[in-house]
Amino acid sequence: MNLEPREDHVFDATGCASTAPLWRSSPPQRKVVLSPHLRRMRGMAELPYWISGLTDQLPIYRLERLEQTVAILLDRLGEDPERIPDRQLHKSVAAFTTPESGDVAYKDTTESADAPVIMIRDLATETSVRPTANTKSVDALLDDLISPDLALTLISIFLEYYGRWILYELQDDPNIILKRVNKSSLLFCACCLIAVRHTSEDLAASLAPRLYECARSLVSTNILVSPQPIEFFQGTLILCMWSTTVGQVPLSIDSWLLSGFALQHCQSSPLFTVATTQSNPPAKLDDATTDRCYLWNHLCLAHLHYCVGTSRRSTLQAWQIERCQTILDLDHAHNFEVRMVAEIHLYWTVYENLVGESVDLLKSVAALQAWKRKWEFVLEQPRSQFLMMGFHFSNLLLYEHALKSKSARARDSVVSEMIRHSTTIIQLAMDTVDDQTRHLSDHIYHMITFAAIVICRLLNVYEGQLTFTHNIAELDSLIHSLVEWLPCIGLPCHAAHTLGNIIAKVHQKLRPRVEKTPLTALADEFPDENFNNYYFPEFLGLGTTVDGGWDLLSNLTFFPQSPSGMTPG
């Protein structure tokens, strides 16, 4: 066997970096004994220290995976991705790579389906949707960025449209809220980062990228400190709920990861004892405890959004989901909080049905129908359209997973159901526009985008069959109308503009004979730098594809195996 060494950095027994060959096969084992000082630090009497995975016990593919994970964590903690080498997965590591897709949009395999938000993110890569060029160039202190007058303006905007997410009421005095928010640089930065996108195009373009970098830096330092004050949980919730908005690209902040960190911090915080312990909650909750229960529920919802949206496991347990219902016994629980509980149970229902090795479609759909009956009293209340969008989105996920495992006869009915749920999501969005539309969470826009891309891809592959049951021109027209509508929402920095461009380009690529839909930004306006620098896909072993095909994640199960369960390719 040809053993070709490659030069890379490893660490010797003293902890210092050195240059040594990383072999493609296992050379003789080398044992290094840690110095007494390092043994005391690690709490060990003596530990064999195997140099950089040179033994059969640590296959080379696991070493490479570890190296990549460490590099990605550094990136996520604020290091410049440009300084981190080897960003792409090694092609030799077959267990973690995604084969390049061909021209087929749906493949007749039993492999699992795309994770909606991951799919949108990867399509952003393919369609050249990039953040602004100066996103990563500024590292300034918040006091230098925002004057006191501007701070009051931004907090006033945030309070009016987003305050209830973090326990602030519209009638609260903005001056008092500003004093509270100023206790935490992370919370202040997060509030301003959302609010500035509702001021003016020039101010948003100049200030938002710098606030985004500040937010990334503040997160990277705050997650390492425990216990955390209430402001930490408020700030992380904002960044999770608007992760596409804050960085101008889908999943610019990994909401699954950040919400998971926040929930873990809740476990060590006395603030959330009622929600995080299995003992029975008190019969009556005071106002402060009630507010913390609300905030806990919001964090749970954000986490479940991205567990389902990125196809990753939840840190929550079933009893914690049930505990979210504690607020329903309160006399003063209002519609907004009750809808949060209903939505938590919705996404927990679809999560539980997707987490298994296989998806029982009939059982899963029946579970969603049972959810709908249980929460019918909420669906009859105002602003329930977002719950209904989530209901159809959950059904769409189940049918999409079933599509690849069904026979040709059963596939026709699955495709029809997918079209039905997708069109309903889009129509609900466009038919219920009001002054709050531009302030919806990014999850709403992710659902709309996913539904539109599903329609485009189904038309690309099953147009012949759909011709007999659907009006193809109307479906194309619906996508065209959606692409025209999304840029009407907010300033050009709004997430709707970014996601609308993705839909338009996918539609043009998969439906080239249909009249082209307009774009709000041209491809050459975006820089050519590596888009993957702004994402966090490597933990899932993802790669990008060169076409608009459906099978973007062809080797990805809904919840990937741990590396120890895989064999090297």
Protein backbone atom coordinates (compact mmCIF):
# COMPACT_ATOMS: atom_id res chain seq x y z
CA MET A 1 0.00 0.00 0.00
CA ASN A 2 1.25 3.44 -0.87
CA LEU A 3 1.55 5.46 2.32
CA GLU A 4 1.67 9.09 1.35
CA PRO A 5 2.13 11.39 4.31
CA ARG A 6 0.70 14.85 4.31
CA GLU A 7 2.00 17.68 6.49
CA ASP A 8 -0.32 18.99 9.12
CA HIS A 9 -0.19 20.37 12.66
CA VAL A 10 -0.56 18.08 15.65
CA PHE A 11 0.12 18.61 19.31
CA ASP A 12 2.93 16.93 21.21
CA ALA A 13 2.91 15.84 24.84
CA THR A 14 3.67 19.34 26.05
CA GLY A 15 0.67 20.72 24.27
CA CYS A 16 2.76 22.64 21.72
CA ALA A 17 2.00 22.63 18.04
CA SER A 18 4.42 20.75 15.82
CA THR A 19 4.53 19.53 12.25
CA ALA A 20 4.13 15.80 11.70
CA PRO A 21 2.85 13.52 8.94
CA LEU A 22 -0.77 12.37 9.09
CA TRP A 23 -0.66 8.97 7.46
CA ARG A 24 -3.29 7.51 5.23
CA SER A 25 -2.75 4.13 6.84
CA SER A 26 -1.73 3.08 10.36
CA PRO A 27 2.04 3.27 10.98
CA PRO A 28 3.61 1.86 14.15
CA GLN A 29 1.96 3.07 17.32
CA ARG A 30 3.69 5.78 19.32
CA LYS A 31 2.98 6.22 23.01
CA VAL A 32 3.60 9.54 24.68
CA VAL A 33 3.33 9.99 28.43
CA LEU A 34 1.90 13.30 29.57
CA SER A 35 4.06 15.48 31.79
CA PRO A 36 3.16 15.50 35.52
CA HIS A 37 1.78 19.02 35.10
CA LEU A 38 -0.60 18.01 32.31
CA ARG A 39 -1.56 14.84 34.18
CA ARG A 40 -2.62 16.95 37.14
CA MET A 41 -4.60 19.25 34.83
CA ARG A 42 -6.44 16.35 33.28
CA GLY A 43 -6.89 14.51 36.58
CA MET A 44 -5.11 11.42 35.27
CA ALA A 45 -2.33 9.26 36.70
CA GLU A 46 -1.02 8.35 33.29
CA LEU A 47 -2.67 8.34 29.89
CA PRO A 48 -1.45 6.89 26.61
CA TYR A 49 -1.44 9.82 24.21
CA TRP A 50 -1.82 8.53 20.66
CA ILE A 51 -0.41 10.92 18.11
CA SER A 52 -3.21 12.31 15.91
CA GLY A 53 -5.14 9.12 15.19
CA LEU A 54 -2.22 6.94 14.05
CA THR A 55 -3.68 3.71 15.44
CA ASP A 56 -6.33 1.36 14.23
CA GLN A 57 -8.44 2.40 17.21
CA LEU A 58 -8.88 5.88 15.73
CA PRO A 59 -9.47 5.57 11.97
CA ILE A 60 -8.27 8.41 9.79
CA TYR A 61 -11.79 9.42 8.84
CA ARG A 62 -12.63 10.11 12.49
CA LEU A 63 -9.52 12.20 12.88
CA GLU A 64 -10.38 14.27 9.84
CA ARG A 65 -13.91 14.69 11.15
CA LEU A 66 -12.55 15.90 14.48
CA GLU A 67 -10.23 18.39 12.79
CA GLN A 68 -13.08 19.79 10.75
CA THR A 69 -15.38 19.99 13.76
CA VAL A 70 -12.80 21.93 15.77
CA ALA A 71 -12.27 24.32 12.85
CA ILE A 72 -16.01 24.82 12.51
CA LEU A 73 -16.42 25.47 16.21
CA LEU A 74 -13.71 28.11 16.00
CA ASP A 75 -15.63 29.67 13.13
CA ARG A 76 -18.84 29.58 15.09
CA LEU A 77 -17.12 31.18 18.05
CA GLY A 78 -16.08 34.15 15.95
CA GLU A 79 -12.88 33.17 14.17
CA ASP A 80 -12.50 34.36 10.59
CA PRO A 81 -13.46 31.43 8.29
CA GLU A 82 -10.90 32.64 5.76
CA ARG A 83 -8.14 31.75 8.21
CA ILE A 84 -9.40 28.22 8.78
CA PRO A 85 -8.11 25.80 6.14
CA ASP A 86 -9.68 22.66 4.77
CA ARG A 87 -13.26 23.80 5.06
CA GLN A 88 -14.61 21.15 2.73
CA LEU A 89 -15.03 17.54 3.66
CA HIS A 90 -12.31 15.24 2.32
CA LYS A 91 -13.58 13.33 -0.67
CA SER A 92 -11.96 10.15 0.64
CA VAL A 93 -14.23 10.08 3.66
CA ALA A 94 -17.11 8.35 1.98
CA ALA A 95 -19.20 7.99 5.09
CA PHE A 96 -19.51 11.75 5.46
CA THR A 97 -19.56 13.03 1.90
CA THR A 98 -22.56 13.66 -0.28
CA PRO A 99 -22.25 12.36 -3.86
CA GLU A 100 -22.81 14.85 -6.58
CA SER A 101 -26.36 14.75 -7.78
CA GLY A 102 -27.35 14.12 -11.34
CA ASP A 103 -30.20 15.59 -13.34
CA VAL A 104 -32.95 13.76 -11.48
CA ALA A 105 -34.83 15.92 -9.03
CA TYR A 106 -36.45 13.08 -7.09
CA LYS A 107 -34.70 9.73 -6.85
CA ASP A 108 -36.63 6.53 -6.35
CA THR A 109 -34.78 5.47 -3.22
CA THR A 110 -35.65 4.91 0.40
CA GLU A 111 -33.23 7.54 1.53
CA SER A 112 -34.63 10.31 3.64
CA ALA A 113 -35.73 13.71 2.52
CA ASP A 114 -34.19 17.13 2.64
CA ALA A 115 -34.26 19.12 5.83
CA PRO A 116 -36.24 22.24 4.85
CA VAL A 117 -33.96 24.93 6.26
CA ILE A 118 -30.80 23.05 5.24
CA MET A 119 -32.24 22.72 1.74
CA ILE A 120 -33.00 26.46 1.57
CA ARG A 121 -29.50 27.26 2.80
CA ASP A 122 -27.89 25.01 0.19
CA LEU A 123 -30.05 26.52 -2.56
CA ALA A 124 -28.85 29.93 -1.45
CA THR A 125 -25.35 28.63 -2.12
CA GLU A 126 -26.28 27.46 -5.60
CA THR A 127 -28.25 30.58 -6.51
CA SER A 128 -25.50 32.97 -5.41
CA VAL A 129 -27.43 34.60 -2.60
CA ARG A 130 -24.66 36.11 -0.52
CA PRO A 131 -24.35 38.47 2.43
CA THR A 132 -23.11 41.96 1.77
CA ALA A 133 -19.40 42.28 1.09
CA ASN A 134 -18.58 44.14 4.30
CA THR A 135 -20.33 41.66 6.62
CA LYS A 136 -17.13 40.32 8.12
CA SER A 137 -14.95 43.43 7.95
CA VAL A 138 -15.98 45.46 10.99
CA ASP A 139 -15.19 44.85 14.66
CA ALA A 140 -16.37 47.92 16.59
CA LEU A 141 -17.79 48.40 20.04
CA LEU A 142 -21.50 48.94 20.39
CA ASP A 143 -21.02 52.34 22.01
CA ASP A 144 -19.20 53.53 18.91
CA LEU A 145 -21.91 52.23 16.60
CA ILE A 146 -25.11 53.52 18.20
CA SER A 147 -25.74 56.94 19.67
CA PRO A 148 -28.12 57.32 22.64
CA ASP A 149 -30.84 58.86 20.45
CA LEU A 150 -30.57 56.09 17.87
CA ALA A 151 -30.59 53.49 20.64
CA LEU A 152 -33.91 54.83 21.94
CA THR A 153 -35.36 54.82 18.43
CA LEU A 154 -34.31 51.22 17.79
CA ILE A 155 -35.54 49.97 21.15
CA SER A 156 -38.88 51.71 20.55
CA ILE A 157 -39.24 49.90 17.22
CA PHE A 158 -38.27 46.58 18.77
CA LEU A 159 -40.65 47.06 21.69
CA GLU A 160 -43.59 47.75 19.40
CA TYR A 161 -43.22 44.75 17.09
CA TYR A 162 -41.13 42.14 18.90
CA GLY A 163 -41.21 42.98 22.60
CA ARG A 164 -43.72 40.32 23.64
CA TRP A 165 -41.34 37.58 22.52
CA ILE A 166 -39.03 38.55 25.37
CA LEU A 167 -41.64 39.59 27.96
CA TYR A 168 -41.89 43.32 27.16
CA GLU A 169 -45.28 44.90 26.61
CA LEU A 170 -46.22 47.53 24.06
CA GLN A 171 -47.33 49.93 26.80
CA ASP A 172 -43.94 49.78 28.53
CA ASP A 173 -41.90 52.99 28.54
CA PRO A 174 -39.09 52.69 25.94
CA ASN A 175 -36.75 54.67 28.20
CA ILE A 176 -37.21 52.16 31.01
CA ILE A 177 -36.85 49.22 28.64
CA LEU A 178 -33.65 50.71 27.22
CA LYS A 179 -32.15 50.83 30.72
CA ARG A 180 -33.02 47.15 31.20
CA VAL A 181 -31.70 46.14 27.81
CA ASN A 182 -28.45 48.02 28.40
CA LYS A 183 -27.65 45.62 31.24
CA SER A 184 -26.64 43.09 28.58
CA SER A 185 -24.60 43.94 25.49
CA LEU A 186 -25.88 40.75 23.85
CA LEU A 187 -29.53 41.66 24.38
CA PHE A 188 -28.98 45.27 23.31
CA CYS A 189 -27.14 44.17 20.17
CA ALA A 190 -29.81 41.59 19.26
CA CYS A 191 -32.66 44.08 19.70
CA CYS A 192 -30.93 46.72 17.59
CA LEU A 193 -29.97 44.18 14.93
CA ILE A 194 -33.62 43.31 14.34
CA ALA A 195 -35.00 46.84 14.67
CA VAL A 196 -32.47 48.51 12.36
CA ARG A 197 -33.91 46.59 9.40
CA HIS A 198 -37.11 48.61 9.85
CA THR A 199 -35.51 52.07 9.73
CA SER A 200 -33.97 53.03 6.39
CA GLU A 201 -32.08 51.14 3.72
CA ASP A 202 -28.91 53.17 4.19
CA LEU A 203 -28.82 52.84 7.97
CA ALA A 204 -29.54 49.12 7.81
CA ALA A 205 -26.84 48.57 5.17
CA SER A 206 -24.19 50.40 7.20
CA LEU A 207 -25.08 49.29 10.72
CA ALA A 208 -26.54 45.78 10.49
CA PRO A 209 -23.37 43.97 9.30
CA ARG A 210 -21.36 45.45 12.16
CA LEU A 211 -24.06 44.61 14.68
CA TYR A 212 -24.11 41.08 13.32
CA GLU A 213 -20.39 40.69 13.96
CA CYS A 214 -20.82 42.08 17.46
CA ALA A 215 -23.62 39.61 18.10
CA ARG A 216 -21.48 36.67 16.96
CA SER A 217 -18.65 37.74 19.23
CA LEU A 218 -20.93 38.30 22.21
CA VAL A 219 -22.57 34.91 21.78
CA SER A 220 -19.21 33.16 21.61
CA THR A 221 -18.19 34.60 24.98
CA ASN A 222 -21.53 34.41 26.76
CA ILE A 223 -22.19 30.73 26.12
CA LEU A 224 -19.08 29.90 28.13
CA VAL A 225 -20.39 31.55 31.32
CA SER A 226 -22.86 29.97 33.74
CA PRO A 227 -25.25 30.73 35.29
CA GLN A 228 -26.65 33.41 33.03
CA PRO A 229 -29.06 36.28 33.79
CA ILE A 230 -32.45 36.57 32.14
CA GLU A 231 -31.07 38.96 29.50
CA PHE A 232 -28.89 36.20 28.02
CA PHE A 233 -31.93 34.04 27.31
CA GLN A 234 -33.83 36.98 25.84
CA GLY A 235 -30.93 37.86 23.52
CA THR A 236 -30.34 34.30 22.31
CA LEU A 237 -34.05 33.85 21.65
CA ILE A 238 -34.06 36.89 19.35
CA LEU A 239 -31.07 35.62 17.39
CA CYS A 240 -32.63 32.15 17.08
CA MET A 241 -36.01 33.40 15.89
CA TRP A 242 -34.49 35.69 13.24
CA SER A 243 -31.34 33.78 12.25
CA THR A 244 -31.83 34.43 8.52
CA THR A 245 -32.61 38.11 9.04
CA VAL A 246 -29.60 38.92 11.19
CA GLY A 247 -26.99 37.71 8.70
CA GLN A 248 -28.94 38.11 5.45
CA VAL A 249 -28.50 34.44 4.52
CA PRO A 250 -30.47 31.36 5.59
CA LEU A 251 -29.24 30.02 8.92
CA SER A 252 -26.52 32.66 9.26
CA ILE A 253 -26.66 31.82 12.95
CA ASP A 254 -27.27 28.15 13.71
CA SER A 255 -30.52 28.41 15.63
CA TRP A 256 -30.57 24.72 16.52
CA LEU A 257 -27.15 24.96 18.12
CA LEU A 258 -27.72 28.28 19.87
CA SER A 259 -31.17 27.36 21.19
CA GLY A 260 -29.72 24.07 22.43
CA PHE A 261 -27.03 25.99 24.33
CA ALA A 262 -29.69 28.27 25.81
CA LEU A 263 -31.84 25.35 26.95
CA GLN A 264 -28.81 23.74 28.56
CA HIS A 265 -28.09 26.99 30.38
CA CYS A 266 -31.69 26.94 31.61
CA GLN A 267 -30.93 23.65 33.36
CA SER A 268 -28.25 25.32 35.48
CA SER A 269 -30.16 28.52 36.11
CA PRO A 270 -32.40 29.07 39.15
CA LEU A 271 -34.58 31.24 36.93
CA PHE A 272 -36.25 28.26 35.24
CA THR A 273 -36.58 25.77 38.09
CA VAL A 274 -40.32 25.40 37.56
CA ALA A 275 -39.81 24.39 33.94
CA THR A 276 -36.66 22.29 34.27
CA THR A 277 -37.49 20.07 37.28
CA GLN A 278 -39.93 17.18 37.22
CA SER A 279 -41.50 18.05 40.57
CA ASN A 280 -45.03 19.35 40.40
CA PRO A 281 -45.21 23.10 39.80
CA PRO A 282 -46.79 25.25 42.50
CA ALA A 283 -50.53 25.74 42.33
CA LYS A 284 -50.11 29.48 41.85
CA LEU A 285 -47.28 31.22 40.01
CA ASP A 286 -46.16 34.75 40.75
CA ASP A 287 -45.68 37.21 37.90
CA ALA A 288 -41.90 36.74 37.65
CA THR A 289 -42.19 32.94 37.50
CA THR A 290 -44.99 33.19 34.94
CA ASP A 291 -42.85 35.38 32.70
CA ARG A 292 -39.99 32.89 32.90
CA CYS A 293 -42.36 30.08 31.94
CA TYR A 294 -43.36 32.12 28.91
CA LEU A 295 -39.72 32.66 27.98
CA TRP A 296 -38.95 28.96 28.45
CA ASN A 297 -41.81 28.11 26.09
CA HIS A 298 -40.48 30.52 23.48
CA LEU A 299 -37.03 28.94 23.65
CA CYS A 300 -38.55 25.47 23.32
CA LEU A 301 -40.50 26.58 20.27
CA ALA A 302 -37.45 28.11 18.59
CA HIS A 303 -35.50 24.91 19.26
CA LEU A 304 -38.23 22.69 17.79
CA HIS A 305 -38.53 24.94 14.73
CA TYR A 306 -34.94 24.13 13.87
CA CYS A 307 -34.95 20.51 15.03
CA VAL A 308 -37.58 19.91 12.37
CA GLY A 309 -36.23 22.50 9.96
CA THR A 310 -32.65 21.18 10.01
CA SER A 311 -33.39 17.51 10.79
CA ARG A 312 -31.48 17.28 14.04
CA ARG A 313 -32.26 15.84 17.43
CA SER A 314 -33.92 17.80 20.20
CA THR A 315 -32.42 18.36 23.63
CA LEU A 316 -35.94 18.37 25.07
CA GLN A 317 -37.79 15.45 26.61
CA ALA A 318 -41.48 14.59 26.48
CA TRP A 319 -42.14 15.64 30.10
CA GLN A 320 -40.67 19.07 29.36
CA ILE A 321 -43.05 19.48 26.45
CA GLU A 322 -45.95 18.65 28.75
CA ARG A 323 -44.63 21.13 31.30
CA CYS A 324 -45.06 23.88 28.69
CA GLN A 325 -48.80 23.57 29.27
CA THR A 326 -48.45 24.94 32.80
CA ILE A 327 -49.38 28.41 31.59
CA LEU A 328 -52.76 27.20 30.28
CA ASP A 329 -54.01 27.01 33.86
CA LEU A 330 -53.37 30.71 34.37
CA ASP A 331 -56.36 33.00 34.23
CA HIS A 332 -54.45 35.73 32.41
CA ALA A 333 -52.74 33.59 29.72
CA HIS A 334 -53.50 35.42 26.50
CA ASN A 335 -53.89 34.25 22.92
CA PHE A 336 -50.24 34.75 21.97
CA GLU A 337 -48.93 32.47 24.72
CA VAL A 338 -51.60 29.83 24.19
CA ARG A 339 -50.71 29.70 20.50
CA MET A 340 -47.07 29.15 21.51
CA VAL A 341 -48.05 26.06 23.51
CA ALA A 342 -50.17 24.70 20.67
CA GLU A 343 -47.31 25.21 18.21
CA ILE A 344 -44.83 23.51 20.54
CA HIS A 345 -47.07 20.44 20.63
CA LEU A 346 -47.48 20.56 16.85
CA TYR A 347 -43.76 20.41 16.17
CA TRP A 348 -43.17 17.87 18.91
CA THR A 349 -45.79 15.68 17.23
CA VAL A 350 -44.13 15.80 13.82
CA TYR A 351 -40.69 15.49 15.44
CA GLU A 352 -41.66 12.28 17.24
CA ASN A 353 -43.02 10.80 14.03
CA LEU A 354 -39.91 11.67 12.03
CA VAL A 355 -37.33 10.68 14.60
CA GLY A 356 -37.78 6.92 14.10
CA GLU A 357 -35.95 4.73 11.63
CA SER A 358 -38.99 4.73 9.35
CA VAL A 359 -42.03 6.95 8.97
CA ASP A 360 -45.49 5.38 9.23
CA LEU A 361 -47.39 7.81 7.04
CA LEU A 362 -50.91 6.83 8.10
CA LYS A 363 -50.03 6.87 11.78
CA SER A 364 -48.17 10.17 11.47
CA VAL A 365 -50.95 11.94 9.59
CA ALA A 366 -53.46 10.62 12.13
CA ALA A 367 -51.32 12.08 14.93
CA LEU A 368 -51.42 15.49 13.27
CA GLN A 369 -55.19 15.24 12.88
CA ALA A 370 -55.43 14.40 16.59
CA TRP A 371 -53.37 17.50 17.33
CA LYS A 372 -55.75 19.57 15.23
CA ARG A 373 -58.79 18.27 17.14
CA LYS A 374 -57.14 18.89 20.53
CA TRP A 375 -56.22 22.47 19.72
CA GLU A 376 -59.30 23.36 17.69
CA PHE A 377 -60.28 26.00 20.26
CA VAL A 378 -57.05 27.85 19.45
CA LEU A 379 -57.46 27.47 15.69
CA GLU A 380 -60.79 29.28 15.99
CA GLN A 381 -59.15 32.34 17.56
CA PRO A 382 -57.59 35.35 15.77
CA ARG A 383 -54.20 35.02 14.06
CA SER A 384 -54.42 31.24 13.95
CA GLN A 385 -53.28 31.23 10.32
CA PHE A 386 -49.70 30.69 11.41
CA LEU A 387 -50.69 27.57 13.31
CA MET A 388 -52.48 26.33 10.22
CA MET A 389 -49.43 27.04 8.10
CA GLY A 390 -47.40 24.98 10.56
CA PHE A 391 -49.98 22.19 10.38
CA HIS A 392 -49.74 22.03 6.58
CA PHE A 393 -45.95 22.34 6.75
CA SER A 394 -45.83 19.35 9.13
CA ASN A 395 -48.01 17.31 6.79
CA LEU A 396 -45.80 18.33 3.88
CA LEU A 397 -42.72 17.03 5.68
CA LEU A 398 -44.38 13.67 6.32
CA TYR A 399 -45.54 13.24 2.72
CA GLU A 400 -42.17 14.36 1.40
CA HIS A 401 -40.46 11.66 3.43
CA ALA A 402 -42.99 9.10 2.20
CA LEU A 403 -42.59 10.05 -1.46
CA LYS A 404 -39.32 8.22 -1.99
CA SER A 405 -40.54 4.94 -0.55
CA LYS A 406 -43.92 4.65 -2.22
CA SER A 407 -44.85 2.58 -5.24
CA ALA A 408 -45.77 4.29 -8.48
CA ARG A 409 -49.48 3.96 -7.75
CA ALA A 410 -49.23 5.30 -4.21
CA ARG A 411 -46.82 8.00 -5.33
CA ASP A 412 -49.53 9.79 -7.32
CA SER A 413 -51.63 10.36 -4.22
CA VAL A 414 -48.58 11.47 -2.20
CA VAL A 415 -47.62 14.01 -4.87
CA SER A 416 -51.17 15.38 -4.93
CA GLU A 417 -51.15 15.80 -1.16
CA MET A 418 -47.81 17.57 -1.31
CA ILE A 419 -49.17 19.99 -3.90
CA ARG A 420 -52.26 20.60 -1.76
CA HIS A 421 -50.35 21.36 1.43
CA SER A 422 -47.77 23.50 -0.38
CA THR A 423 -50.32 25.66 -2.17
CA THR A 424 -52.29 26.10 1.05
CA ILE A 425 -49.21 27.41 2.88
CA ILE A 426 -48.50 29.96 0.16
CA GLN A 427 -52.10 31.08 -0.19
CA LEU A 428 -52.51 31.45 3.58
CA ALA A 429 -49.45 33.68 3.63
CA MET A 430 -50.56 35.94 0.80
CA ASP A 431 -54.24 36.07 1.83
CA THR A 432 -53.64 37.15 5.43
CA VAL A 433 -51.31 40.12 4.94
CA ASP A 434 -51.50 42.87 7.54
CA ASP A 435 -49.23 45.39 9.22
CA GLN A 436 -47.56 42.60 11.20
CA THR A 437 -46.47 40.57 8.15
CA ARG A 438 -43.02 42.14 7.88
CA HIS A 439 -42.39 41.37 11.55
CA LEU A 440 -43.10 37.64 11.46
CA SER A 441 -40.44 35.19 12.57
CA ASP A 442 -38.07 33.79 9.96
CA HIS A 443 -39.62 30.35 10.44
CA ILE A 444 -42.79 31.58 8.71
CA TYR A 445 -40.78 32.63 5.68
CA HIS A 446 -38.83 29.38 5.72
CA MET A 447 -42.12 27.45 5.52
CA ILE A 448 -43.30 29.57 2.60
CA THR A 449 -40.00 29.12 0.77
CA PHE A 450 -39.96 25.37 1.31
CA ALA A 451 -43.52 25.05 0.03
CA ALA A 452 -42.67 27.00 -3.13
CA ILE A 453 -39.56 24.92 -3.86
CA VAL A 454 -41.53 21.71 -3.34
CA ILE A 455 -43.99 22.84 -6.02
CA CYS A 456 -41.18 23.74 -8.42
CA ARG A 457 -39.51 20.37 -8.01
CA LEU A 458 -42.71 18.37 -8.25
CA LEU A 459 -43.57 20.18 -11.48
CA ASN A 460 -40.09 19.47 -12.79
CA VAL A 461 -40.38 15.72 -12.22
CA TYR A 462 -44.08 14.87 -12.25
CA GLU A 463 -45.53 17.37 -14.69
CA GLY A 464 -46.82 14.56 -16.91
CA GLN A 465 -48.84 13.00 -14.11
CA LEU A 466 -49.94 16.30 -12.61
CA THR A 467 -51.34 17.48 -15.95
CA PHE A 468 -54.30 15.14 -15.46
CA THR A 469 -55.15 16.34 -11.94
CA HIS A 470 -53.89 19.92 -11.61
CA ASN A 471 -53.77 23.14 -13.58
CA ILE A 472 -50.04 23.41 -14.26
CA ALA A 473 -50.29 27.02 -15.44
CA GLU A 474 -51.99 28.01 -12.18
CA LEU A 475 -49.23 26.40 -10.13
CA ASP A 476 -46.55 28.24 -12.08
CA SER A 477 -48.57 31.42 -11.74
CA LEU A 478 -48.77 30.92 -7.97
CA ILE A 479 -44.98 30.78 -7.77
CA HIS A 480 -44.72 33.85 -9.98
CA SER A 481 -47.17 35.73 -7.71
CA LEU A 482 -45.24 34.71 -4.63
CA VAL A 483 -41.95 35.95 -6.07
CA GLU A 484 -43.59 39.28 -6.89
CA TRP A 485 -45.17 39.55 -3.42
CA LEU A 486 -42.14 38.78 -1.24
CA PRO A 487 -40.10 41.86 -2.30
CA CYS A 488 -43.04 44.04 -1.26
CA ILE A 489 -42.39 43.08 2.37
CA GLY A 490 -40.14 45.54 4.12
CA LEU A 491 -36.81 46.96 3.01
CA PRO A 492 -34.47 45.11 0.63
CA CYS A 493 -32.62 43.78 3.70
CA HIS A 494 -35.73 41.88 4.83
CA ALA A 495 -35.48 38.07 4.78
CA ALA A 496 -38.41 37.94 2.35
CA HIS A 497 -36.25 39.51 -0.36
CA THR A 498 -33.44 37.00 0.16
CA LEU A 499 -35.78 34.01 0.13
CA GLY A 500 -37.79 35.39 -2.80
CA ASN A 501 -34.63 35.47 -4.91
CA ILE A 502 -33.93 31.85 -4.04
CA ILE A 503 -37.44 30.80 -5.13
CA ALA A 504 -37.16 32.80 -8.36
CA LYS A 505 -33.87 31.21 -9.35
CA VAL A 506 -35.06 27.69 -8.54
CA HIS A 507 -38.21 28.28 -10.57
CA GLN A 508 -36.21 29.58 -13.53
CA LYS A 509 -33.85 26.64 -13.37
CA LEU A 510 -36.47 23.91 -13.05
CA ARG A 511 -39.14 25.54 -15.22
CA PRO A 512 -37.11 27.20 -18.00
CA ARG A 513 -40.03 27.24 -20.45
CA VAL A 514 -42.14 29.33 -18.09
CA GLU A 515 -41.93 33.12 -18.22
CA LYS A 516 -39.08 34.25 -16.01
CA THR A 517 -39.92 35.73 -12.64
CA PRO A 518 -38.22 38.99 -11.66
CA LEU A 519 -35.34 39.12 -9.21
CA THR A 520 -34.87 41.91 -6.70
CA ALA A 521 -31.08 41.57 -6.99
CA LEU A 522 -28.85 40.36 -9.77
CA ALA A 523 -26.45 37.47 -9.25
CA ASP A 524 -23.40 39.55 -10.12
CA GLU A 525 -24.22 41.95 -7.28
CA PHE A 526 -23.18 39.30 -4.80
CA PRO A 527 -19.51 38.54 -4.02
CA ASP A 528 -17.92 35.28 -5.14
CA GLU A 529 -16.48 34.26 -1.77
CA ASN A 530 -17.21 30.80 -0.44
CA PHE A 531 -20.78 30.87 0.82
CA ASN A 532 -20.21 27.87 3.09
CA ASN A 533 -18.13 30.11 5.36
CA TYR A 534 -21.37 31.55 6.69
CA TYR A 535 -23.03 28.23 7.47
CA PHE A 536 -22.62 25.35 9.79
CA PRO A 537 -23.34 22.29 7.63
CA GLU A 538 -20.28 20.21 8.36
CA PHE A 539 -21.68 18.50 11.45
CA LEU A 540 -24.28 16.94 9.17
CA GLY A 541 -21.76 15.87 6.52
CA LEU A 542 -23.42 18.00 3.87
CA GLY A 543 -22.12 19.05 0.51
CA THR A 544 -23.50 21.32 -2.16
CA THR A 545 -24.78 20.27 -5.55
CA VAL A 546 -24.49 21.78 -8.98
CA ASP A 547 -28.11 21.60 -10.08
CA GLY A 548 -31.54 22.24 -8.67
CA GLY A 549 -32.18 18.57 -8.02
CA TRP A 550 -34.17 17.36 -5.04
CA ASP A 551 -31.68 14.88 -3.75
CA LEU A 552 -29.42 17.42 -2.08
CA LEU A 553 -28.89 15.31 1.02
CA SER A 554 -28.83 11.88 -0.53
CA ASN A 555 -26.88 10.16 2.25
CA LEU A 556 -28.47 11.95 5.19
CA THR A 557 -30.95 10.20 7.44
CA PHE A 558 -33.33 12.43 9.35
CA PHE A 559 -31.08 12.20 12.39
CA PRO A 560 -27.56 11.16 11.34
CA GLN A 561 -25.76 8.28 12.96
CA SER A 562 -22.91 9.01 15.29
CA PRO A 563 -19.48 8.48 13.70
CA SER A 564 -18.92 5.42 15.87
CA GLY A 565 -21.78 3.69 14.10
CA MET A 566 -20.25 4.17 10.64
CA THR A 567 -17.58 2.35 8.79
CA PRO A 568 -14.93 4.20 6.85
CA GLY A 569 -15.37 4.29 3.12
